[in-house]
Amino acid sequence: MCLMGMVQGQAVTTLTSDTIALGDQTTLCISHTDSFPSTDMLTQGSIVALSQTFDTAKREQRTILTCFEPGEHYLHIGDDSLLIVVNDVEVDTSSIEIRDIAPLQKVPYTFWEIFRWILLALGIVAIGLGVWWILTHHKKMEEMLGMSEPVDTRTPAQRALDNLETLRRQQLWQTGKVKEYHTLLTDAVRQFIEESTGIRATEMTSDETIEAVESGQWRTESSLLRNIFSTADLVKFAKSEPLPYEHDRSMNDAIAFINQLWEKVKPAEPENKEADHE
């Protein structure tokens, strides 16, 4: 039931209760007017308009109001005002037992929480074992998948002679690539010297390489090496144009030098001794 408040012309404003407790609600009824205030207009000071409904049949607006500050509060609507009294809530402290703050209690782990940690630990172990297996077996895996390069089991002499044979078939000097031909030829010889004797021939000059070979204990024919490097140096540094037989001579000298030096430095083959069976 709405209690009559004020009448402004034909507008009627009433409150269901003009006295409420702190935080309680009262309803404002406005009727007999063509102009109705919004919730923003009715939210004034400590008074808060929560919601509105409108009865079209009665042409009546209902607004729910509340207030969280005790005391007397005026709600201004146009030139008129409605008084709302808000009473504070009294607390009976005599019946309240004051206690210390309860200590924190440990909640026991559930089965699924423990199971989740076990799964996490097993996953970490599995990942670690997988990484270890890959690091220790990656070469075997590459071989199985055909990703690894085949191991070269040739001797230094076989590798050098194969390189020279490949160079011969390319016919570089016959097509005018004289410098490239002699560079590849001497590179093959230097690489063979380095692999078979340990002399850093790939980092030495021609004279240093010849001197290192001559000072070794192999007693090989160094004149072959001198002919090879002499012809190559004239081509590379003096832009010399050797005769056709000189190109072939350098190739033959290189093959002969490799065979001679390998006979001196190749490792001895193990002797197979068969036990006598009586």
C-alpha atoms as a PDB file:
ATOM      1  CA  MET A   1       0.000   0.000   0.000  1.00  0.00           C
ATOM      2  CA  CYS A   2       1.486   3.345  -0.997  1.00  0.00           C
ATOM      3  CA  LEU A   3       1.523   6.111   1.597  1.00  0.00           C
ATOM      4  CA  MET A   4       0.528   9.526   0.290  1.00  0.00           C
ATOM      5  CA  GLY A   5       3.458  11.912   0.030  1.00  0.00           C
ATOM      6  CA  MET A   6       2.977  15.096  -2.015  1.00  0.00           C
ATOM      7  CA  VAL A   7       0.777  16.233  -4.821  1.00  0.00           C
ATOM      8  CA  GLN A   8       2.113  18.620  -7.450  1.00  0.00           C
ATOM      9  CA  GLY A   9      -0.750  19.631  -9.671  1.00  0.00           C
ATOM     10  CA  GLN A  10      -2.126  16.377 -10.945  1.00  0.00           C
ATOM     11  CA  ALA A  11       1.095  14.374 -10.218  1.00  0.00           C
ATOM     12  CA  VAL A  12       0.885  12.132  -7.162  1.00  0.00           C
ATOM     13  CA  THR A  13       4.122  10.929  -5.471  1.00  0.00           C
ATOM     14  CA  THR A  14       3.962   8.417  -2.635  1.00  0.00           C
ATOM     15  CA  LEU A  15       6.332   6.157  -0.697  1.00  0.00           C
ATOM     16  CA  THR A  16       5.475   2.729   0.604  1.00  0.00           C
ATOM     17  CA  SER A  17       7.482   3.693   3.683  1.00  0.00           C
ATOM     18  CA  ASP A  18       9.272   6.901   4.562  1.00  0.00           C
ATOM     19  CA  THR A  19      11.281   5.238   7.345  1.00  0.00           C
ATOM     20  CA  ILE A  20      13.585   2.317   6.555  1.00  0.00           C
ATOM     21  CA  ALA A  21      16.495   0.525   8.145  1.00  0.00           C
ATOM     22  CA  LEU A  22      19.986   0.920   6.747  1.00  0.00           C
ATOM     23  CA  GLY A  23      20.168  -0.966   3.443  1.00  0.00           C
ATOM     24  CA  ASP A  24      16.423  -1.706   3.279  1.00  0.00           C
ATOM     25  CA  GLN A  25      14.244  -0.659   0.360  1.00  0.00           C
ATOM     26  CA  THR A  26      11.181   1.518  -0.182  1.00  0.00           C
ATOM     27  CA  THR A  27       9.085   2.047  -3.300  1.00  0.00           C
ATOM     28  CA  LEU A  28       8.377   5.435  -4.834  1.00  0.00           C
ATOM     29  CA  CYS A  29       5.055   5.617  -6.713  1.00  0.00           C
ATOM     30  CA  ILE A  30       4.447   8.399  -9.261  1.00  0.00           C
ATOM     31  CA  SER A  31       1.156   8.717 -11.126  1.00  0.00           C
ATOM     32  CA  HIS A  32      -1.214  11.183 -12.784  1.00  0.00           C
ATOM     33  CA  THR A  33       1.514  12.839 -14.830  1.00  0.00           C
ATOM     34  CA  ASP A  34       2.963  12.706 -18.305  1.00  0.00           C
ATOM     35  CA  SER A  35       6.583  13.239 -17.164  1.00  0.00           C
ATOM     36  CA  PHE A  36       8.310  10.469 -15.189  1.00  0.00           C
ATOM     37  CA  PRO A  37      11.867  10.790 -13.788  1.00  0.00           C
ATOM     38  CA  SER A  38      14.503   8.184 -14.627  1.00  0.00           C
ATOM     39  CA  THR A  39      16.609   6.197 -12.127  1.00  0.00           C
ATOM     40  CA  ASP A  40      19.530   8.554 -12.782  1.00  0.00           C
ATOM     41  CA  MET A  41      17.360  11.528 -11.816  1.00  0.00           C
ATOM     42  CA  LEU A  42      16.122   9.789  -8.646  1.00  0.00           C
ATOM     43  CA  THR A  43      19.625   8.763  -7.529  1.00  0.00           C
ATOM     44  CA  GLN A  44      20.462  11.710  -5.281  1.00  0.00           C
ATOM     45  CA  GLY A  45      23.140  11.927  -2.597  1.00  0.00           C
ATOM     46  CA  SER A  46      23.001   8.746  -0.502  1.00  0.00           C
ATOM     47  CA  ILE A  47      19.670   7.667  -2.010  1.00  0.00           C
ATOM     48  CA  VAL A  48      20.091   5.096  -4.781  1.00  0.00           C
ATOM     49  CA  ALA A  49      17.385   4.225  -7.338  1.00  0.00           C
ATOM     50  CA  LEU A  50      17.739   0.495  -8.026  1.00  0.00           C
ATOM     51  CA  SER A  51      15.067  -0.297 -10.629  1.00  0.00           C
ATOM     52  CA  GLN A  52      11.832   0.910 -12.198  1.00  0.00           C
ATOM     53  CA  THR A  53       8.592  -0.618 -13.438  1.00  0.00           C
ATOM     54  CA  PHE A  54       5.664   1.050 -15.214  1.00  0.00           C
ATOM     55  CA  ASP A  55       2.002   0.083 -15.073  1.00  0.00           C
ATOM     56  CA  THR A  56       0.543   1.262 -18.396  1.00  0.00           C
ATOM     57  CA  ALA A  57      -3.036   0.605 -17.313  1.00  0.00           C
ATOM     58  CA  LYS A  58      -2.746   2.836 -14.263  1.00  0.00           C
ATOM     59  CA  ARG A  59      -0.082   5.073 -15.835  1.00  0.00           C
ATOM     60  CA  GLU A  60       1.934   4.601 -12.661  1.00  0.00           C
ATOM     61  CA  GLN A  61       5.725   4.382 -12.258  1.00  0.00           C
ATOM     62  CA  ARG A  62       7.270   2.449  -9.376  1.00  0.00           C
ATOM     63  CA  THR A  63      10.904   2.973  -8.420  1.00  0.00           C
ATOM     64  CA  ILE A  64      12.725   0.917  -5.763  1.00  0.00           C
ATOM     65  CA  LEU A  65      14.954   3.081  -3.581  1.00  0.00           C
ATOM     66  CA  THR A  66      17.571   2.245  -0.929  1.00  0.00           C
ATOM     67  CA  CYS A  67      20.104   4.078   1.227  1.00  0.00           C
ATOM     68  CA  PHE A  68      23.258   2.980   3.077  1.00  0.00           C
ATOM     69  CA  GLU A  69      23.794   6.091   5.198  1.00  0.00           C
ATOM     70  CA  PRO A  70      21.720   6.639   8.380  1.00  0.00           C
ATOM     71  CA  GLY A  71      19.908   9.941   8.902  1.00  0.00           C
ATOM     72  CA  GLU A  72      17.312  12.101   7.182  1.00  0.00           C
ATOM     73  CA  HIS A  73      17.504  12.328   3.412  1.00  0.00           C
ATOM     74  CA  TYR A  74      15.374  14.437   1.052  1.00  0.00           C
ATOM     75  CA  LEU A  75      14.407  13.179  -2.381  1.00  0.00           C
ATOM     76  CA  HIS A  76      13.770  16.153  -4.677  1.00  0.00           C
ATOM     77  CA  ILE A  77      11.186  15.674  -7.433  1.00  0.00           C
ATOM     78  CA  GLY A  78      10.666  18.867  -9.351  1.00  0.00           C
ATOM     79  CA  ASP A  79       9.797  21.616  -6.833  1.00  0.00           C
ATOM     80  CA  ASP A  80       8.732  19.154  -4.136  1.00  0.00           C
ATOM     81  CA  SER A  81      10.742  16.943  -1.776  1.00  0.00           C
ATOM     82  CA  LEU A  82      10.073  13.663   0.028  1.00  0.00           C
ATOM     83  CA  LEU A  83      11.727  12.904   3.364  1.00  0.00           C
ATOM     84  CA  ILE A  84      13.233   9.458   3.860  1.00  0.00           C
ATOM     85  CA  VAL A  85      14.485   8.543   7.331  1.00  0.00           C
ATOM     86  CA  VAL A  86      17.155   5.844   7.444  1.00  0.00           C
ATOM     87  CA  ASN A  87      17.734   4.177  10.810  1.00  0.00           C
ATOM     88  CA  ASP A  88      21.093   2.611  11.665  1.00  0.00           C
ATOM     89  CA  VAL A  89      21.165  -1.095  12.504  1.00  0.00           C
ATOM     90  CA  GLU A  90      21.889  -1.655  16.170  1.00  0.00           C
ATOM     91  CA  VAL A  91      24.212  -4.506  17.037  1.00  0.00           C
ATOM     92  CA  ASP A  92      23.855  -6.268  20.392  1.00  0.00           C
ATOM     93  CA  THR A  93      27.509  -6.730  21.332  1.00  0.00           C
ATOM     94  CA  SER A  94      26.635  -8.253  24.724  1.00  0.00           C
ATOM     95  CA  SER A  95      25.553 -11.500  23.108  1.00  0.00           C
ATOM     96  CA  ILE A  96      28.510 -11.724  20.702  1.00  0.00           C
ATOM     97  CA  GLU A  97      31.375 -14.006  21.676  1.00  0.00           C
ATOM     98  CA  ILE A  98      34.697 -12.701  20.412  1.00  0.00           C
ATOM     99  CA  ARG A  99      37.026 -15.490  19.362  1.00  0.00           C
ATOM    100  CA  ASP A 100      40.546 -15.684  17.970  1.00  0.00           C
ATOM    101  CA  ILE A 101      41.021 -16.160  14.254  1.00  0.00           C
ATOM    102  CA  ALA A 102      40.930 -19.856  13.489  1.00  0.00           C
ATOM    103  CA  PRO A 103      44.251 -21.273  12.272  1.00  0.00           C
ATOM    104  CA  LEU A 104      44.668 -22.447   8.705  1.00  0.00           C
ATOM    105  CA  GLN A 105      43.691 -26.029   8.178  1.00  0.00           C
ATOM    106  CA  LYS A 106      45.415 -28.350   5.738  1.00  0.00           C
ATOM    107  CA  VAL A 107      43.038 -29.929   3.285  1.00  0.00           C
ATOM    108  CA  PRO A 108      44.056 -33.521   2.477  1.00  0.00           C
ATOM    109  CA  TYR A 109      45.042 -34.235  -1.121  1.00  0.00           C
ATOM    110  CA  THR A 110      42.496 -36.047  -3.207  1.00  0.00           C
ATOM    111  CA  PHE A 111      43.288 -39.113  -5.298  1.00  0.00           C
ATOM    112  CA  TRP A 112      43.095 -37.161  -8.572  1.00  0.00           C
ATOM    113  CA  GLU A 113      45.474 -34.484  -7.313  1.00  0.00           C
ATOM    114  CA  ILE A 114      48.067 -37.124  -6.369  1.00  0.00           C
ATOM    115  CA  PHE A 115      47.478 -38.997  -9.626  1.00  0.00           C
ATOM    116  CA  ARG A 116      48.020 -35.788 -11.604  1.00  0.00           C
ATOM    117  CA  TRP A 117      51.420 -35.194  -9.963  1.00  0.00           C
ATOM    118  CA  ILE A 118      52.388 -38.819 -10.634  1.00  0.00           C
ATOM    119  CA  LEU A 119      51.504 -38.411 -14.315  1.00  0.00           C
ATOM    120  CA  LEU A 120      53.536 -35.201 -14.482  1.00  0.00           C
ATOM    121  CA  ALA A 121      56.572 -36.906 -12.937  1.00  0.00           C
ATOM    122  CA  LEU A 122      56.271 -39.866 -15.317  1.00  0.00           C
ATOM    123  CA  GLY A 123      55.993 -37.479 -18.264  1.00  0.00           C
ATOM    124  CA  ILE A 124      59.172 -35.639 -17.241  1.00  0.00           C
ATOM    125  CA  VAL A 125      61.038 -38.942 -16.833  1.00  0.00           C
ATOM    126  CA  ALA A 126      59.779 -40.147 -20.221  1.00  0.00           C
ATOM    127  CA  ILE A 127      60.909 -36.932 -21.927  1.00  0.00           C
ATOM    128  CA  GLY A 128      64.332 -37.180 -20.259  1.00  0.00           C
ATOM    129  CA  LEU A 129      64.753 -40.804 -21.351  1.00  0.00           C
ATOM    130  CA  GLY A 130      63.674 -39.866 -24.880  1.00  0.00           C
ATOM    131  CA  VAL A 131      66.243 -37.069 -25.096  1.00  0.00           C
ATOM    132  CA  TRP A 132      68.959 -39.364 -23.720  1.00  0.00           C
ATOM    133  CA  TRP A 133      68.105 -42.101 -26.206  1.00  0.00           C
ATOM    134  CA  ILE A 134      68.139 -39.690 -29.140  1.00  0.00           C
ATOM    135  CA  LEU A 135      71.509 -38.222 -28.091  1.00  0.00           C
ATOM    136  CA  THR A 136      73.089 -41.671 -27.699  1.00  0.00           C
ATOM    137  CA  HIS A 137      71.533 -43.295 -30.765  1.00  0.00           C
ATOM    138  CA  HIS A 138      71.233 -40.411 -33.222  1.00  0.00           C
ATOM    139  CA  LYS A 139      73.967 -41.818 -35.439  1.00  0.00           C
ATOM    140  CA  LYS A 140      72.219 -45.191 -35.651  1.00  0.00           C
ATOM    141  CA  MET A 141      68.946 -43.438 -36.392  1.00  0.00           C
ATOM    142  CA  GLU A 142      70.541 -41.426 -39.175  1.00  0.00           C
ATOM    143  CA  GLU A 143      71.961 -44.623 -40.658  1.00  0.00           C
ATOM    144  CA  MET A 144      68.577 -46.371 -40.432  1.00  0.00           C
ATOM    145  CA  LEU A 145      66.821 -43.430 -42.093  1.00  0.00           C
ATOM    146  CA  GLY A 146      69.574 -43.035 -44.663  1.00  0.00           C
ATOM    147  CA  MET A 147      70.355 -39.525 -43.445  1.00  0.00           C
ATOM    148  CA  SER A 148      74.005 -40.046 -42.501  1.00  0.00           C
ATOM    149  CA  GLU A 149      76.803 -39.846 -45.005  1.00  0.00           C
ATOM    150  CA  PRO A 150      78.486 -43.146 -45.801  1.00  0.00           C
ATOM    151  CA  VAL A 151      81.826 -43.690 -44.063  1.00  0.00           C
ATOM    152  CA  ASP A 152      84.794 -43.394 -46.401  1.00  0.00           C
ATOM    153  CA  THR A 153      86.840 -46.550 -45.804  1.00  0.00           C
ATOM    154  CA  ARG A 154      89.398 -45.829 -48.512  1.00  0.00           C
ATOM    155  CA  THR A 155      93.049 -45.346 -47.662  1.00  0.00           C
ATOM    156  CA  PRO A 156      94.585 -41.883 -48.220  1.00  0.00           C
ATOM    157  CA  ALA A 157      96.329 -43.230 -51.335  1.00  0.00           C
ATOM    158  CA  GLN A 158      93.120 -44.684 -52.773  1.00  0.00           C
ATOM    159  CA  ARG A 159      91.258 -41.455 -52.091  1.00  0.00           C
ATOM    160  CA  ALA A 160      93.995 -39.338 -53.733  1.00  0.00           C
ATOM    161  CA  LEU A 161      94.250 -41.612 -56.795  1.00  0.00           C
ATOM    162  CA  ASP A 162      90.448 -41.560 -57.191  1.00  0.00           C
ATOM    163  CA  ASN A 163      90.495 -37.749 -57.073  1.00  0.00           C
ATOM    164  CA  LEU A 164      93.210 -37.645 -59.725  1.00  0.00           C
ATOM    165  CA  GLU A 165      91.265 -40.054 -61.948  1.00  0.00           C
ATOM    166  CA  THR A 166      88.172 -37.872 -61.599  1.00  0.00           C
ATOM    167  CA  LEU A 167      90.293 -34.840 -62.517  1.00  0.00           C
ATOM    168  CA  ARG A 168      91.661 -36.633 -65.593  1.00  0.00           C
ATOM    169  CA  ARG A 169      88.151 -37.429 -66.831  1.00  0.00           C
ATOM    170  CA  GLN A 170      87.043 -33.805 -66.476  1.00  0.00           C
ATOM    171  CA  GLN A 171      89.513 -32.765 -69.180  1.00  0.00           C
ATOM    172  CA  LEU A 172      89.922 -29.293 -67.752  1.00  0.00           C
ATOM    173  CA  TRP A 173      93.167 -28.279 -69.415  1.00  0.00           C
ATOM    174  CA  GLN A 174      91.864 -29.518 -72.763  1.00  0.00           C
ATOM    175  CA  THR A 175      89.007 -26.963 -72.462  1.00  0.00           C
ATOM    176  CA  GLY A 176      91.250 -24.079 -71.442  1.00  0.00           C
ATOM    177  CA  LYS A 177      90.877 -24.414 -67.665  1.00  0.00           C
ATOM    178  CA  VAL A 178      94.607 -24.837 -67.117  1.00  0.00           C
ATOM    179  CA  LYS A 179      94.858 -23.024 -63.762  1.00  0.00           C
ATOM    180  CA  GLU A 180      91.912 -24.937 -62.288  1.00  0.00           C
ATOM    181  CA  TYR A 181      93.415 -28.236 -63.478  1.00  0.00           C
ATOM    182  CA  HIS A 182      96.804 -27.708 -61.806  1.00  0.00           C
ATOM    183  CA  THR A 183      95.196 -26.252 -58.642  1.00  0.00           C
ATOM    184  CA  LEU A 184      93.037 -29.356 -58.161  1.00  0.00           C
ATOM    185  CA  LEU A 185      95.987 -31.619 -58.948  1.00  0.00           C
ATOM    186  CA  THR A 186      98.260 -30.048 -56.334  1.00  0.00           C
ATOM    187  CA  ASP A 187      95.363 -29.933 -53.814  1.00  0.00           C
ATOM    188  CA  ALA A 188      94.949 -33.699 -54.161  1.00  0.00           C
ATOM    189  CA  VAL A 189      98.687 -34.222 -53.595  1.00  0.00           C
ATOM    190  CA  ARG A 190      98.800 -31.879 -50.581  1.00  0.00           C
ATOM    191  CA  GLN A 191      95.757 -33.553 -49.021  1.00  0.00           C
ATOM    192  CA  PHE A 192      97.378 -36.965 -49.469  1.00  0.00           C
ATOM    193  CA  ILE A 193     100.636 -35.799 -47.847  1.00  0.00           C
ATOM    194  CA  GLU A 194      98.719 -34.374 -44.871  1.00  0.00           C
ATOM    195  CA  GLU A 195      96.548 -37.472 -44.369  1.00  0.00           C
ATOM    196  CA  SER A 196      99.383 -39.982 -44.740  1.00  0.00           C
ATOM    197  CA  THR A 197     102.275 -38.239 -42.953  1.00  0.00           C
ATOM    198  CA  GLY A 198     100.737 -35.549 -40.732  1.00  0.00           C
ATOM    199  CA  ILE A 199     102.634 -32.756 -42.529  1.00  0.00           C
ATOM    200  CA  ARG A 200     100.339 -29.708 -42.758  1.00  0.00           C
ATOM    201  CA  ALA A 201     100.856 -29.491 -46.502  1.00  0.00           C
ATOM    202  CA  THR A 202      97.531 -27.761 -47.164  1.00  0.00           C
ATOM    203  CA  GLU A 203      98.767 -24.790 -45.120  1.00  0.00           C
ATOM    204  CA  MET A 204     102.315 -24.652 -46.553  1.00  0.00           C
ATOM    205  CA  THR A 205     103.863 -23.117 -49.628  1.00  0.00           C
ATOM    206  CA  SER A 206     105.278 -25.329 -52.319  1.00  0.00           C
ATOM    207  CA  ASP A 207     108.871 -24.943 -51.078  1.00  0.00           C
ATOM    208  CA  GLU A 208     107.856 -25.585 -47.450  1.00  0.00           C
ATOM    209  CA  THR A 209     106.018 -28.749 -48.453  1.00  0.00           C
ATOM    210  CA  ILE A 210     108.961 -30.085 -50.472  1.00  0.00           C
ATOM    211  CA  GLU A 211     111.376 -29.310 -47.623  1.00  0.00           C
ATOM    212  CA  ALA A 212     109.124 -31.051 -45.084  1.00  0.00           C
ATOM    213  CA  VAL A 213     108.889 -34.175 -47.237  1.00  0.00           C
ATOM    214  CA  GLU A 214     112.636 -34.256 -47.905  1.00  0.00           C
ATOM    215  CA  SER A 215     113.436 -33.886 -44.211  1.00  0.00           C
ATOM    216  CA  GLY A 216     111.217 -36.832 -43.333  1.00  0.00           C
ATOM    217  CA  GLN A 217     112.343 -40.423 -42.876  1.00  0.00           C
ATOM    218  CA  TRP A 218     110.563 -41.765 -45.940  1.00  0.00           C
ATOM    219  CA  ARG A 219     113.369 -41.282 -48.480  1.00  0.00           C
ATOM    220  CA  THR A 220     110.893 -40.784 -51.316  1.00  0.00           C
ATOM    221  CA  GLU A 221     111.638 -39.312 -54.729  1.00  0.00           C
ATOM    222  CA  SER A 222     111.120 -35.591 -54.085  1.00  0.00           C
ATOM    223  CA  SER A 223     111.992 -34.656 -57.686  1.00  0.00           C
ATOM    224  CA  LEU A 224     108.507 -35.785 -58.701  1.00  0.00           C
ATOM    225  CA  LEU A 225     107.015 -33.387 -56.172  1.00  0.00           C
ATOM    226  CA  ARG A 226     109.259 -30.567 -57.393  1.00  0.00           C
ATOM    227  CA  ASN A 227     108.106 -31.063 -60.991  1.00  0.00           C
ATOM    228  CA  ILE A 228     104.426 -31.027 -59.938  1.00  0.00           C
ATOM    229  CA  PHE A 229     104.670 -27.849 -57.846  1.00  0.00           C
ATOM    230  CA  SER A 230     107.006 -26.075 -60.274  1.00  0.00           C
ATOM    231  CA  THR A 231     104.613 -26.460 -63.197  1.00  0.00           C
ATOM    232  CA  ALA A 232     101.593 -25.518 -61.072  1.00  0.00           C
ATOM    233  CA  ASP A 233     103.263 -22.403 -59.643  1.00  0.00           C
ATOM    234  CA  LEU A 234     104.238 -21.191 -63.118  1.00  0.00           C
ATOM    235  CA  VAL A 235     100.621 -21.576 -64.228  1.00  0.00           C
ATOM    236  CA  LYS A 236      99.069 -19.917 -61.143  1.00  0.00           C
ATOM    237  CA  PHE A 237     101.537 -17.089 -60.571  1.00  0.00           C
ATOM    238  CA  ALA A 238     103.324 -16.528 -63.915  1.00  0.00           C
ATOM    239  CA  LYS A 239     100.320 -17.334 -66.128  1.00  0.00           C
ATOM    240  CA  SER A 240     102.459 -19.845 -68.009  1.00  0.00           C
ATOM    241  CA  GLU A 241     100.920 -22.031 -70.730  1.00  0.00           C
ATOM    242  CA  PRO A 242     102.489 -25.525 -70.432  1.00  0.00           C
ATOM    243  CA  LEU A 243     102.687 -27.815 -73.443  1.00  0.00           C
ATOM    244  CA  PRO A 244     100.148 -30.670 -73.635  1.00  0.00           C
ATOM    245  CA  TYR A 245     102.697 -33.284 -72.566  1.00  0.00           C
ATOM    246  CA  GLU A 246     103.531 -31.209 -69.448  1.00  0.00           C
ATOM    247  CA  HIS A 247      99.939 -31.491 -68.221  1.00  0.00           C
ATOM    248  CA  ASP A 248     100.057 -35.253 -68.585  1.00  0.00           C
ATOM    249  CA  ARG A 249     103.517 -35.386 -66.991  1.00  0.00           C
ATOM    250  CA  SER A 250     102.226 -33.575 -63.883  1.00  0.00           C
ATOM    251  CA  MET A 251      99.394 -36.101 -63.613  1.00  0.00           C
ATOM    252  CA  ASN A 252     101.736 -39.070 -64.028  1.00  0.00           C
ATOM    253  CA  ASP A 253     104.269 -37.609 -61.567  1.00  0.00           C
ATOM    254  CA  ALA A 254     101.498 -37.129 -59.013  1.00  0.00           C
ATOM    255  CA  ILE A 255     100.360 -40.749 -59.346  1.00  0.00           C
ATOM    256  CA  ALA A 256     103.939 -42.017 -59.082  1.00  0.00           C
ATOM    257  CA  PHE A 257     104.693 -39.839 -56.042  1.00  0.00           C
ATOM    258  CA  ILE A 258     101.560 -41.001 -54.221  1.00  0.00           C
ATOM    259  CA  ASN A 259     102.353 -44.678 -54.851  1.00  0.00           C
ATOM    260  CA  GLN A 260     105.983 -44.281 -53.758  1.00  0.00           C
ATOM    261  CA  LEU A 261     105.192 -42.361 -50.563  1.00  0.00           C
ATOM    262  CA  TRP A 262     102.337 -44.684 -49.609  1.00  0.00           C
ATOM    263  CA  GLU A 263     104.651 -47.668 -49.765  1.00  0.00           C
ATOM    264  CA  LYS A 264     106.804 -45.939 -47.158  1.00  0.00           C
ATOM    265  CA  VAL A 265     104.081 -44.738 -44.792  1.00  0.00           C
ATOM    266  CA  LYS A 266     101.207 -47.212 -45.039  1.00  0.00           C
ATOM    267  CA  PRO A 267     100.541 -49.141 -41.827  1.00  0.00           C
ATOM    268  CA  ALA A 268     101.685 -52.706 -41.657  1.00  0.00           C
ATOM    269  CA  GLU A 269      98.969 -55.285 -42.162  1.00  0.00           C
ATOM    270  CA  PRO A 270      98.386 -57.571 -39.163  1.00  0.00           C
ATOM    271  CA  GLU A 271      99.685 -61.093 -39.604  1.00  0.00           C
ATOM    272  CA  ASN A 272      97.157 -63.863 -39.213  1.00  0.00           C
ATOM    273  CA  LYS A 273      98.741 -66.652 -37.208  1.00  0.00           C
ATOM    274  CA  GLU A 274      96.834 -69.882 -37.266  1.00  0.00           C
ATOM    275  CA  ALA A 275      97.378 -72.242 -34.393  1.00  0.00           C
ATOM    276  CA  ASP A 276      98.443 -75.750 -35.283  1.00  0.00           C
ATOM    277  CA  HIS A 277      95.833 -78.336 -34.481  1.00  0.00           C
ATOM    278  CA  GLU A 278      97.107 -81.807 -33.989  1.00  0.00           C
END
